[in-house]
Amino acid sequence: MTKKPLILITNDDGINAPGLRKLISLVKNLGEVIVIGSEYAMSGMAHAVTIQNPLRVRVVTEEPDYKEFLTTGTPADNIKLGKHRLSERLPDLILSGINHGSNAAINIIYSGTMGAVLEGTIDGIPSIGFSLDDFSHDADFSHVDEYILAIIKKVLNDGLPKEICLNVNFPKISNKPIKGIKVCRQADARWVEEFEERKDPHGRSYFWLAGRYENGDKRNDTDEKALADNYVSVVPSHTDFTAHNYVDKLNFSL
């Protein structure tokens, strides 16, 4: 008999986040599922890994074809643990999310959700990150089911090319139905940082990261444009950071 696909799931909002629970409920019957969640929220951790503290792991649930672990690690730690210690074989698919908040455009480089996805991609495992453009803890995920299942089933059937993962973002729920899925490029948008200086109760200064998000990219084929038009955006993302079109143009003469 063919083995059921092994699906490894994590997120960056913590093990009790509603987005993670939603994703688990959608895929629990698609194969053997291992969930590895962090004890605390890990938003903004990107691809950080734990190297100066012990990683602690506790079994939360163990059922036929379903296991759940709680860790003190980051999302990337969780995938490393899942690949090398908490499963008997390499996963067939890695999923991360559903994140509370968009990971479109430049957000991918800060995202713990996508850090976990990229960690899976390094070992050639098809990996997908799911995010919703709503930062609320009580965000409504009821409109994403059919799209998540369609994307997962396609990747399970067809796989993904080497070093390629998918960054999937959903628009916030509205009174209008989602129009469909668009495969896009990453928008050229960025965060403009501002640090607010504040005082703690003892009168000591500290800084709080604030700022605003600016999207000056007017192209029609970006993830930000798709979300604004009420489409699901899917960006194929690459672990190779090389600017290939610049390699032959860059010369140093000493």
C-alpha atoms as a PDB file:
ATOM      1  CA  MET A   1       0.000   0.000   0.000  1.00  0.00           C
ATOM      2  CA  THR A   2       1.143   3.550  -0.723  1.00  0.00           C
ATOM      3  CA  LYS A   3       1.976   5.491   2.405  1.00  0.00           C
ATOM      4  CA  LYS A   4      -0.137   8.475   3.265  1.00  0.00           C
ATOM      5  CA  PRO A   5       1.691  11.747   2.631  1.00  0.00           C
ATOM      6  CA  LEU A   6       3.436  13.096   5.699  1.00  0.00           C
ATOM      7  CA  ILE A   7       2.465  16.743   6.250  1.00  0.00           C
ATOM      8  CA  LEU A   8       4.424  18.903   8.691  1.00  0.00           C
ATOM      9  CA  ILE A   9       2.689  22.063   9.935  1.00  0.00           C
ATOM     10  CA  THR A  10       3.915  25.060  11.927  1.00  0.00           C
ATOM     11  CA  ASN A  11       3.223  28.789  12.212  1.00  0.00           C
ATOM     12  CA  ASP A  12       4.632  31.927  13.830  1.00  0.00           C
ATOM     13  CA  ASP A  13       1.644  33.068  15.913  1.00  0.00           C
ATOM     14  CA  GLY A  14       1.970  30.368  18.555  1.00  0.00           C
ATOM     15  CA  ILE A  15       0.446  26.950  18.977  1.00  0.00           C
ATOM     16  CA  ASN A  16      -3.005  28.200  20.015  1.00  0.00           C
ATOM     17  CA  ALA A  17      -3.464  30.710  17.193  1.00  0.00           C
ATOM     18  CA  PRO A  18      -6.827  30.371  15.403  1.00  0.00           C
ATOM     19  CA  GLY A  19      -5.088  30.451  12.017  1.00  0.00           C
ATOM     20  CA  LEU A  20      -3.031  27.381  12.851  1.00  0.00           C
ATOM     21  CA  ARG A  21      -6.109  25.580  14.182  1.00  0.00           C
ATOM     22  CA  LYS A  22      -7.954  26.390  10.953  1.00  0.00           C
ATOM     23  CA  LEU A  23      -5.139  24.980   8.808  1.00  0.00           C
ATOM     24  CA  ILE A  24      -4.985  21.801  10.890  1.00  0.00           C
ATOM     25  CA  SER A  25      -8.732  21.252  10.528  1.00  0.00           C
ATOM     26  CA  LEU A  26      -8.472  21.548   6.737  1.00  0.00           C
ATOM     27  CA  VAL A  27      -5.601  19.103   6.207  1.00  0.00           C
ATOM     28  CA  LYS A  28      -6.018  16.597   9.024  1.00  0.00           C
ATOM     29  CA  ASN A  29      -7.647  14.067   6.691  1.00  0.00           C
ATOM     30  CA  LEU A  30      -5.196  14.509   3.801  1.00  0.00           C
ATOM     31  CA  GLY A  31      -2.436  12.385   5.290  1.00  0.00           C
ATOM     32  CA  GLU A  32      -0.316  11.774   8.338  1.00  0.00           C
ATOM     33  CA  VAL A  33      -0.008  15.143  10.087  1.00  0.00           C
ATOM     34  CA  ILE A  34       2.628  16.402  12.508  1.00  0.00           C
ATOM     35  CA  VAL A  35       2.083  19.827  14.077  1.00  0.00           C
ATOM     36  CA  ILE A  36       5.016  21.573  15.749  1.00  0.00           C
ATOM     37  CA  GLY A  37       3.990  24.846  17.366  1.00  0.00           C
ATOM     38  CA  SER A  38       5.927  27.407  19.376  1.00  0.00           C
ATOM     39  CA  GLU A  39       5.025  28.194  22.957  1.00  0.00           C
ATOM     40  CA  TYR A  40       4.972  31.922  22.218  1.00  0.00           C
ATOM     41  CA  ALA A  41       4.221  34.096  19.198  1.00  0.00           C
ATOM     42  CA  MET A  42       7.241  34.383  16.898  1.00  0.00           C
ATOM     43  CA  SER A  43       6.127  37.048  14.413  1.00  0.00           C
ATOM     44  CA  GLY A  44       9.018  38.888  12.767  1.00  0.00           C
ATOM     45  CA  MET A  45      11.526  36.127  13.549  1.00  0.00           C
ATOM     46  CA  ALA A  46      12.180  35.442   9.841  1.00  0.00           C
ATOM     47  CA  HIS A  47      14.640  32.501   9.557  1.00  0.00           C
ATOM     48  CA  ALA A  48      16.046  32.868  13.085  1.00  0.00           C
ATOM     49  CA  VAL A  49      17.280  29.689  14.752  1.00  0.00           C
ATOM     50  CA  THR A  50      18.077  28.942  18.391  1.00  0.00           C
ATOM     51  CA  ILE A  51      21.788  28.455  19.005  1.00  0.00           C
ATOM     52  CA  GLN A  52      22.427  29.720  22.559  1.00  0.00           C
ATOM     53  CA  ASN A  53      19.573  28.108  24.479  1.00  0.00           C
ATOM     54  CA  PRO A  54      18.300  24.540  24.712  1.00  0.00           C
ATOM     55  CA  LEU A  55      15.330  23.603  22.581  1.00  0.00           C
ATOM     56  CA  ARG A  56      12.630  21.982  24.646  1.00  0.00           C
ATOM     57  CA  VAL A  57       9.872  19.820  23.158  1.00  0.00           C
ATOM     58  CA  ARG A  58       6.714  18.452  24.743  1.00  0.00           C
ATOM     59  CA  VAL A  59       4.174  16.071  23.230  1.00  0.00           C
ATOM     60  CA  VAL A  60       0.724  17.668  23.300  1.00  0.00           C
ATOM     61  CA  THR A  61      -1.333  15.137  21.344  1.00  0.00           C
ATOM     62  CA  GLU A  62      -0.589  11.699  19.942  1.00  0.00           C
ATOM     63  CA  GLU A  63      -3.258   9.942  17.894  1.00  0.00           C
ATOM     64  CA  PRO A  64      -3.211   7.625  14.864  1.00  0.00           C
ATOM     65  CA  ASP A  65      -1.838   9.692  11.950  1.00  0.00           C
ATOM     66  CA  TYR A  66      -1.740  12.848  14.068  1.00  0.00           C
ATOM     67  CA  LYS A  67       0.855  14.218  16.481  1.00  0.00           C
ATOM     68  CA  GLU A  68       1.240  17.640  18.017  1.00  0.00           C
ATOM     69  CA  PHE A  69       4.353  19.024  19.708  1.00  0.00           C
ATOM     70  CA  LEU A  70       4.955  22.229  21.670  1.00  0.00           C
ATOM     71  CA  THR A  71       8.449  23.757  21.482  1.00  0.00           C
ATOM     72  CA  THR A  72      10.432  26.696  22.788  1.00  0.00           C
ATOM     73  CA  GLY A  73      11.872  27.248  19.325  1.00  0.00           C
ATOM     74  CA  THR A  74      11.286  29.533  16.375  1.00  0.00           C
ATOM     75  CA  PRO A  75       9.297  28.500  13.280  1.00  0.00           C
ATOM     76  CA  ALA A  76      12.537  27.578  11.485  1.00  0.00           C
ATOM     77  CA  ASP A  77      13.613  25.558  14.549  1.00  0.00           C
ATOM     78  CA  ASN A  78      10.300  23.732  14.416  1.00  0.00           C
ATOM     79  CA  ILE A  79      10.848  22.663  10.830  1.00  0.00           C
ATOM     80  CA  LYS A  80      14.400  21.558  11.582  1.00  0.00           C
ATOM     81  CA  LEU A  81      13.134  19.501  14.526  1.00  0.00           C
ATOM     82  CA  GLY A  82      10.376  18.060  12.393  1.00  0.00           C
ATOM     83  CA  LYS A  83      12.735  17.041   9.609  1.00  0.00           C
ATOM     84  CA  HIS A  84      15.430  15.528  11.761  1.00  0.00           C
ATOM     85  CA  ARG A  85      14.022  14.458  15.147  1.00  0.00           C
ATOM     86  CA  LEU A  86      10.237  14.384  15.438  1.00  0.00           C
ATOM     87  CA  SER A  87       9.328  12.312  12.383  1.00  0.00           C
ATOM     88  CA  GLU A  88      10.584   8.989  11.103  1.00  0.00           C
ATOM     89  CA  ARG A  89      10.985  10.229   7.536  1.00  0.00           C
ATOM     90  CA  LEU A  90      11.223  13.499   5.656  1.00  0.00           C
ATOM     91  CA  PRO A  91       7.846  15.182   5.198  1.00  0.00           C
ATOM     92  CA  ASP A  92       6.188  15.102   1.789  1.00  0.00           C
ATOM     93  CA  LEU A  93       4.796  18.582   2.366  1.00  0.00           C
ATOM     94  CA  ILE A  94       5.459  21.480   4.741  1.00  0.00           C
ATOM     95  CA  LEU A  95       2.756  24.025   5.553  1.00  0.00           C
ATOM     96  CA  SER A  96       3.047  27.203   7.605  1.00  0.00           C
ATOM     97  CA  GLY A  97       0.235  29.460   8.801  1.00  0.00           C
ATOM     98  CA  ILE A  98      -2.416  30.548   8.490  1.00  0.00           C
ATOM     99  CA  ASN A  99      -0.663  33.744   9.544  1.00  0.00           C
ATOM    100  CA  HIS A 100      -2.636  36.553  11.131  1.00  0.00           C
ATOM    101  CA  GLY A 101      -1.449  39.353   8.815  1.00  0.00           C
ATOM    102  CA  SER A 102      -0.213  39.705   5.266  1.00  0.00           C
ATOM    103  CA  ASN A 103       3.153  38.360   4.159  1.00  0.00           C
ATOM    104  CA  ALA A 104       2.936  39.922   0.712  1.00  0.00           C
ATOM    105  CA  ALA A 105       5.748  41.992  -0.815  1.00  0.00           C
ATOM    106  CA  ILE A 106       8.744  42.764   1.445  1.00  0.00           C
ATOM    107  CA  ASN A 107       7.034  41.144   4.454  1.00  0.00           C
ATOM    108  CA  ILE A 108       8.405  37.788   3.289  1.00  0.00           C
ATOM    109  CA  ILE A 109      11.891  38.637   4.560  1.00  0.00           C
ATOM    110  CA  TYR A 110      10.665  39.399   8.092  1.00  0.00           C
ATOM    111  CA  SER A 111       8.103  36.638   8.319  1.00  0.00           C
ATOM    112  CA  GLY A 112       8.516  33.703  10.681  1.00  0.00           C
ATOM    113  CA  THR A 113       5.762  32.013   8.690  1.00  0.00           C
ATOM    114  CA  MET A 114       7.832  32.169   5.524  1.00  0.00           C
ATOM    115  CA  GLY A 115      11.095  31.474   7.363  1.00  0.00           C
ATOM    116  CA  ALA A 116       9.663  28.042   8.175  1.00  0.00           C
ATOM    117  CA  VAL A 117       8.642  27.560   4.539  1.00  0.00           C
ATOM    118  CA  LEU A 118      12.091  28.483   3.242  1.00  0.00           C
ATOM    119  CA  GLU A 119      13.666  26.083   5.742  1.00  0.00           C
ATOM    120  CA  GLY A 120      11.646  23.251   4.241  1.00  0.00           C
ATOM    121  CA  THR A 121      12.531  24.331   0.714  1.00  0.00           C
ATOM    122  CA  ILE A 122      16.257  24.080   1.450  1.00  0.00           C
ATOM    123  CA  ASP A 123      15.877  20.306   1.744  1.00  0.00           C
ATOM    124  CA  GLY A 124      13.798  20.058  -1.418  1.00  0.00           C
ATOM    125  CA  ILE A 125      10.493  19.548   0.400  1.00  0.00           C
ATOM    126  CA  PRO A 126       7.465  21.185  -1.265  1.00  0.00           C
ATOM    127  CA  SER A 127       6.529  23.996   1.125  1.00  0.00           C
ATOM    128  CA  ILE A 128       3.696  26.532   1.276  1.00  0.00           C
ATOM    129  CA  GLY A 129       3.039  29.517   3.515  1.00  0.00           C
ATOM    130  CA  PHE A 130      -0.508  30.789   4.032  1.00  0.00           C
ATOM    131  CA  SER A 131      -1.335  34.263   5.355  1.00  0.00           C
ATOM    132  CA  LEU A 132      -4.478  36.361   5.752  1.00  0.00           C
ATOM    133  CA  ASP A 133      -4.487  40.146   5.351  1.00  0.00           C
ATOM    134  CA  ASP A 134      -5.997  40.613   8.798  1.00  0.00           C
ATOM    135  CA  PHE A 135      -3.853  41.016  11.917  1.00  0.00           C
ATOM    136  CA  SER A 136      -6.698  40.466  14.383  1.00  0.00           C
ATOM    137  CA  HIS A 137      -6.475  37.507  16.743  1.00  0.00           C
ATOM    138  CA  ASP A 138     -10.152  36.934  16.002  1.00  0.00           C
ATOM    139  CA  ALA A 139      -9.736  37.134  12.216  1.00  0.00           C
ATOM    140  CA  ASP A 140     -12.383  35.381  10.124  1.00  0.00           C
ATOM    141  CA  PHE A 141     -10.871  32.543   8.060  1.00  0.00           C
ATOM    142  CA  SER A 142     -14.147  31.116   6.782  1.00  0.00           C
ATOM    143  CA  HIS A 143     -13.587  32.185   3.147  1.00  0.00           C
ATOM    144  CA  VAL A 144     -10.238  30.440   2.567  1.00  0.00           C
ATOM    145  CA  ASP A 145     -11.095  26.729   2.736  1.00  0.00           C
ATOM    146  CA  GLU A 146     -11.536  25.811  -0.926  1.00  0.00           C
ATOM    147  CA  TYR A 147      -8.464  27.778  -1.993  1.00  0.00           C
ATOM    148  CA  ILE A 148      -6.172  26.237   0.607  1.00  0.00           C
ATOM    149  CA  LEU A 149      -7.320  22.737  -0.277  1.00  0.00           C
ATOM    150  CA  ALA A 150      -6.973  23.357  -4.018  1.00  0.00           C
ATOM    151  CA  ILE A 151      -3.430  24.697  -3.653  1.00  0.00           C
ATOM    152  CA  ILE A 152      -2.347  21.906  -1.287  1.00  0.00           C
ATOM    153  CA  LYS A 153      -3.791  19.142  -3.477  1.00  0.00           C
ATOM    154  CA  LYS A 154      -2.086  20.552  -6.578  1.00  0.00           C
ATOM    155  CA  VAL A 155       1.289  20.666  -4.817  1.00  0.00           C
ATOM    156  CA  LEU A 156       0.838  17.162  -3.393  1.00  0.00           C
ATOM    157  CA  ASN A 157       0.067  15.885  -6.891  1.00  0.00           C
ATOM    158  CA  ASP A 158       2.573  17.891  -8.929  1.00  0.00           C
ATOM    159  CA  GLY A 159       5.281  18.857  -6.433  1.00  0.00           C
ATOM    160  CA  LEU A 160       7.335  22.046  -6.774  1.00  0.00           C
ATOM    161  CA  PRO A 161      10.625  22.702  -8.585  1.00  0.00           C
ATOM    162  CA  LYS A 162      13.853  22.599  -6.606  1.00  0.00           C
ATOM    163  CA  GLU A 163      14.386  25.691  -4.409  1.00  0.00           C
ATOM    164  CA  ILE A 164      10.865  27.013  -5.101  1.00  0.00           C
ATOM    165  CA  CYS A 165       8.176  27.514  -2.455  1.00  0.00           C
ATOM    166  CA  LEU A 166       4.809  29.278  -2.489  1.00  0.00           C
ATOM    167  CA  ASN A 167       3.888  32.435  -0.598  1.00  0.00           C
ATOM    168  CA  VAL A 168       0.071  32.498  -0.512  1.00  0.00           C
ATOM    169  CA  ASN A 169      -1.889  35.492   0.797  1.00  0.00           C
ATOM    170  CA  PHE A 170      -5.643  35.875   1.231  1.00  0.00           C
ATOM    171  CA  PRO A 171      -7.589  39.128   1.252  1.00  0.00           C
ATOM    172  CA  LYS A 172      -9.483  39.989   4.414  1.00  0.00           C
ATOM    173  CA  ILE A 173     -13.054  38.727   4.380  1.00  0.00           C
ATOM    174  CA  SER A 174     -15.598  41.167   2.969  1.00  0.00           C
ATOM    175  CA  ASN A 175     -19.171  41.173   1.690  1.00  0.00           C
ATOM    176  CA  LYS A 176     -17.836  40.240  -1.755  1.00  0.00           C
ATOM    177  CA  PRO A 177     -16.618  36.733  -2.636  1.00  0.00           C
ATOM    178  CA  ILE A 178     -12.985  36.107  -3.548  1.00  0.00           C
ATOM    179  CA  LYS A 179     -12.586  36.416  -7.322  1.00  0.00           C
ATOM    180  CA  GLY A 180     -10.087  33.577  -7.691  1.00  0.00           C
ATOM    181  CA  ILE A 181      -6.340  32.906  -7.563  1.00  0.00           C
ATOM    182  CA  LYS A 182      -3.635  34.989  -9.248  1.00  0.00           C
ATOM    183  CA  VAL A 183      -0.020  33.868  -9.613  1.00  0.00           C
ATOM    184  CA  CYS A 184       1.944  37.073  -9.106  1.00  0.00           C
ATOM    185  CA  ARG A 185       5.280  38.743  -8.642  1.00  0.00           C
ATOM    186  CA  GLN A 186       6.326  40.208  -5.296  1.00  0.00           C
ATOM    187  CA  ALA A 187       5.387  43.890  -5.099  1.00  0.00           C
ATOM    188  CA  ASP A 188       8.086  46.515  -4.638  1.00  0.00           C
ATOM    189  CA  ALA A 189       6.714  47.789  -1.331  1.00  0.00           C
ATOM    190  CA  ARG A 190       8.468  48.469   1.958  1.00  0.00           C
ATOM    191  CA  TRP A 191       8.158  49.492   5.574  1.00  0.00           C
ATOM    192  CA  VAL A 192       9.302  53.010   6.461  1.00  0.00           C
ATOM    193  CA  GLU A 193      10.545  52.622  10.029  1.00  0.00           C
ATOM    194  CA  GLU A 194      10.103  55.115  12.816  1.00  0.00           C
ATOM    195  CA  PHE A 195      11.342  54.593  16.366  1.00  0.00           C
ATOM    196  CA  GLU A 196       9.270  56.231  19.069  1.00  0.00           C
ATOM    197  CA  GLU A 197      11.248  57.162  22.168  1.00  0.00           C
ATOM    198  CA  ARG A 198       9.295  56.424  25.333  1.00  0.00           C
ATOM    199  CA  LYS A 199       9.880  56.273  29.081  1.00  0.00           C
ATOM    200  CA  ASP A 200       9.403  53.224  31.281  1.00  0.00           C
ATOM    201  CA  PRO A 201       7.888  53.548  34.804  1.00  0.00           C
ATOM    202  CA  HIS A 202      11.379  54.216  36.164  1.00  0.00           C
ATOM    203  CA  GLY A 203      11.936  57.131  33.778  1.00  0.00           C
ATOM    204  CA  ARG A 204      14.426  55.270  31.602  1.00  0.00           C
ATOM    205  CA  SER A 205      14.283  55.769  27.846  1.00  0.00           C
ATOM    206  CA  TYR A 206      13.468  52.977  25.425  1.00  0.00           C
ATOM    207  CA  PHE A 207      12.513  52.777  21.764  1.00  0.00           C
ATOM    208  CA  TRP A 208       9.393  51.268  20.190  1.00  0.00           C
ATOM    209  CA  LEU A 209       9.436  50.287  16.536  1.00  0.00           C
ATOM    210  CA  ALA A 210       6.622  51.959  14.624  1.00  0.00           C
ATOM    211  CA  GLY A 211       6.351  53.223  11.063  1.00  0.00           C
ATOM    212  CA  ARG A 212       4.172  52.829   8.028  1.00  0.00           C
ATOM    213  CA  TYR A 213       3.861  50.554   5.014  1.00  0.00           C
ATOM    214  CA  GLU A 214       4.352  52.144   1.595  1.00  0.00           C
ATOM    215  CA  ASN A 215       3.484  50.512  -1.713  1.00  0.00           C
ATOM    216  CA  GLY A 216       4.563  52.608  -4.667  1.00  0.00           C
ATOM    217  CA  ASP A 217       4.415  49.672  -7.076  1.00  0.00           C
ATOM    218  CA  LYS A 218       1.761  50.428  -9.689  1.00  0.00           C
ATOM    219  CA  ARG A 219       2.243  47.254 -11.753  1.00  0.00           C
ATOM    220  CA  ASN A 220      -0.854  45.129 -12.289  1.00  0.00           C
ATOM    221  CA  ASP A 221       0.817  41.744 -11.745  1.00  0.00           C
ATOM    222  CA  THR A 222       1.875  42.057  -8.085  1.00  0.00           C
ATOM    223  CA  ASP A 223       0.651  40.327  -4.946  1.00  0.00           C
ATOM    224  CA  GLU A 224      -0.447  43.626  -3.409  1.00  0.00           C
ATOM    225  CA  LYS A 225      -2.551  44.438  -6.477  1.00  0.00           C
ATOM    226  CA  ALA A 226      -4.147  40.983  -6.420  1.00  0.00           C
ATOM    227  CA  LEU A 227      -5.089  41.344  -2.747  1.00  0.00           C
ATOM    228  CA  ALA A 228      -6.486  44.833  -3.353  1.00  0.00           C
ATOM    229  CA  ASP A 229      -8.657  43.388  -6.142  1.00  0.00           C
ATOM    230  CA  ASN A 230      -9.918  40.607  -3.826  1.00  0.00           C
ATOM    231  CA  TYR A 231      -7.894  37.747  -5.331  1.00  0.00           C
ATOM    232  CA  VAL A 232      -5.774  35.147  -3.571  1.00  0.00           C
ATOM    233  CA  SER A 233      -2.148  35.952  -4.419  1.00  0.00           C
ATOM    234  CA  VAL A 234       0.373  33.157  -4.994  1.00  0.00           C
ATOM    235  CA  VAL A 235       4.021  34.146  -5.371  1.00  0.00           C
ATOM    236  CA  PRO A 236       6.545  31.422  -6.302  1.00  0.00           C
ATOM    237  CA  SER A 237       9.546  32.322  -4.132  1.00  0.00           C
ATOM    238  CA  HIS A 238      13.169  31.221  -4.422  1.00  0.00           C
ATOM    239  CA  THR A 239      15.843  30.361  -1.859  1.00  0.00           C
ATOM    240  CA  ASP A 240      18.600  31.481  -4.265  1.00  0.00           C
ATOM    241  CA  PHE A 241      19.309  35.160  -3.524  1.00  0.00           C
ATOM    242  CA  THR A 242      21.749  35.569  -6.419  1.00  0.00           C
ATOM    243  CA  ALA A 243      21.058  38.488  -8.763  1.00  0.00           C
ATOM    244  CA  HIS A 244      21.762  36.354 -11.816  1.00  0.00           C
ATOM    245  CA  ASN A 245      21.257  39.180 -14.309  1.00  0.00           C
ATOM    246  CA  TYR A 246      24.058  41.134 -12.598  1.00  0.00           C
ATOM    247  CA  VAL A 247      26.695  38.416 -12.223  1.00  0.00           C
ATOM    248  CA  ASP A 248      28.311  39.007 -15.651  1.00  0.00           C
ATOM    249  CA  LYS A 249      28.041  42.801 -15.308  1.00  0.00           C
ATOM    250  CA  LEU A 250      29.806  43.143 -11.979  1.00  0.00           C
ATOM    251  CA  ASN A 251      33.598  43.412 -12.373  1.00  0.00           C
ATOM    252  CA  PHE A 252      36.374  44.379 -10.014  1.00  0.00           C
ATOM    253  CA  SER A 253      39.720  45.517 -11.374  1.00  0.00           C
ATOM    254  CA  LEU A 254      42.551  45.687  -8.865  1.00  0.00           C
END
